[in-house]
Amino acid sequence: MHAALTRPGLPALRGRPTISRAAAHQVLPWSAGAEVRVGGHLVVVRLREADAHALADRLEDRLRARVDRAVHLTDTAPPVGRAASVARRRDARRREPREFRSR
């Protein structure tokens, strides 16, 4: 997982993965979770597997894919039309006085 999260071009990441094994016999005894902050985005990965090696491989793959998606989201801005319309609606709501009625 270290290689998936320390590639060149990635911003500083904060978070940690957790891996645990169930004490009782279960079909999928290995579980893992990771919560990583990428800029302003929180990347959460949770999964269960029967084998520890398969769990580590799948956790690395999912974490890499979701971190790449979060990095892409921070690199791109919202479409110009959408950002402008959202700002106009927000400003219009701020200017309108609200009426409160007591019952």
Protein backbone atom coordinates (compact mmCIF):
# COMPACT_ATOMS: atom_id res chain seq x y z
CA MET A 1 0.00 0.00 0.00
CA HIS A 2 2.93 2.31 0.57
CA ALA A 3 3.67 2.30 -3.16
CA ALA A 4 0.04 3.17 -3.99
CA LEU A 5 0.03 6.23 -1.74
CA THR A 6 3.54 7.63 -2.23
CA ARG A 7 3.68 8.11 -5.97
CA PRO A 8 5.12 11.27 -7.52
CA GLY A 9 2.49 13.89 -8.25
CA LEU A 10 0.22 13.02 -5.33
CA PRO A 11 -0.43 15.67 -2.68
CA ALA A 12 0.32 14.99 0.97
CA LEU A 13 -2.06 12.36 2.32
CA ARG A 14 -3.23 11.86 5.87
CA GLY A 15 -4.90 8.75 7.25
CA ARG A 16 -4.28 5.13 8.03
CA PRO A 17 -5.43 1.67 7.04
CA THR A 18 -6.61 -0.95 9.52
CA ILE A 19 -6.57 -4.70 8.94
CA SER A 20 -8.15 -7.21 11.32
CA ARG A 21 -9.05 -10.87 11.51
CA ALA A 22 -12.23 -12.13 13.11
CA ALA A 23 -11.75 -14.39 16.13
CA ALA A 24 -14.74 -16.58 15.30
CA HIS A 25 -14.88 -18.75 12.20
CA GLN A 26 -16.47 -16.80 9.37
CA VAL A 27 -16.64 -17.14 5.61
CA LEU A 28 -14.71 -13.86 5.14
CA PRO A 29 -12.60 -13.51 8.31
CA TRP A 30 -10.24 -10.79 7.05
CA SER A 31 -11.50 -7.21 6.97
CA ALA A 32 -9.80 -3.95 6.15
CA GLY A 33 -10.64 -0.30 6.12
CA ALA A 34 -8.81 2.86 5.24
CA GLU A 35 -9.70 6.51 5.68
CA VAL A 36 -7.36 8.87 3.86
CA ARG A 37 -7.64 12.64 3.38
CA VAL A 38 -6.66 13.91 -0.08
CA GLY A 39 -6.86 17.68 0.03
CA GLY A 40 -10.44 18.40 1.06
CA HIS A 41 -11.76 14.95 0.08
CA LEU A 42 -12.16 11.98 2.42
CA VAL A 43 -11.45 8.64 0.71
CA VAL A 44 -13.00 5.66 2.50
CA VAL A 45 -12.36 2.02 1.56
CA ARG A 46 -13.89 -0.96 3.36
CA LEU A 47 -13.75 -4.60 2.31
CA ARG A 48 -13.71 -8.23 3.46
CA GLU A 49 -11.85 -11.21 2.03
CA ALA A 50 -11.19 -14.86 2.85
CA ASP A 51 -7.41 -14.59 2.34
CA ALA A 52 -4.97 -12.02 3.78
CA HIS A 53 -3.00 -11.73 0.53
CA ALA A 54 -6.14 -11.17 -1.54
CA LEU A 55 -7.27 -8.58 1.02
CA ALA A 56 -3.99 -6.65 0.75
CA ASP A 57 -4.06 -6.72 -3.06
CA ARG A 58 -7.66 -5.59 -3.33
CA LEU A 59 -7.18 -2.90 -0.66
CA GLU A 60 -4.21 -1.47 -2.55
CA ASP A 61 -6.10 -1.51 -5.86
CA ARG A 62 -9.21 0.18 -4.46
CA LEU A 63 -7.23 2.73 -2.50
CA ARG A 64 -5.14 3.64 -5.54
CA ALA A 65 -8.23 4.03 -7.75
CA ARG A 66 -10.15 6.15 -5.24
CA VAL A 67 -7.14 8.35 -4.41
CA ASP A 68 -6.59 8.92 -8.14
CA ARG A 69 -10.26 9.91 -8.50
CA ALA A 70 -10.01 12.30 -5.53
CA VAL A 71 -6.83 13.88 -6.94
CA HIS A 72 -8.61 14.34 -10.27
CA LEU A 73 -11.57 16.00 -8.51
CA THR A 74 -9.30 18.47 -6.75
CA ASP A 75 -7.49 19.29 -10.01
CA THR A 76 -10.65 20.09 -11.95
CA ALA A 77 -13.00 23.01 -11.38
CA PRO A 78 -16.78 22.75 -11.73
CA PRO A 79 -18.17 23.66 -15.15
CA VAL A 80 -18.40 27.41 -15.63
CA GLY A 81 -22.16 27.46 -16.14
CA ARG A 82 -22.83 25.38 -13.07
CA ALA A 83 -20.53 27.38 -10.79
CA ALA A 84 -22.12 30.65 -11.88
CA SER A 85 -25.69 29.40 -11.43
CA VAL A 86 -24.92 27.99 -7.98
CA ALA A 87 -23.38 31.32 -6.94
CA ARG A 88 -26.40 33.26 -8.26
CA ARG A 89 -28.87 31.07 -6.36
CA ARG A 90 -26.81 31.35 -3.18
CA ASP A 91 -26.68 35.14 -3.46
CA ALA A 92 -30.41 35.36 -4.19
CA ARG A 93 -31.22 33.37 -1.05
CA ARG A 94 -29.08 35.67 1.05
CA ARG A 95 -30.90 38.81 -0.19
CA GLU A 96 -34.45 37.53 0.29
CA PRO A 97 -35.90 38.41 3.69
CA ARG A 98 -37.56 35.52 5.39
CA GLU A 99 -40.91 35.78 7.11
CA PHE A 100 -41.41 33.92 10.33
CA ARG A 101 -44.91 33.37 11.60
CA SER A 102 -45.65 32.51 15.18
CA ARG A 103 -48.38 29.99 15.83
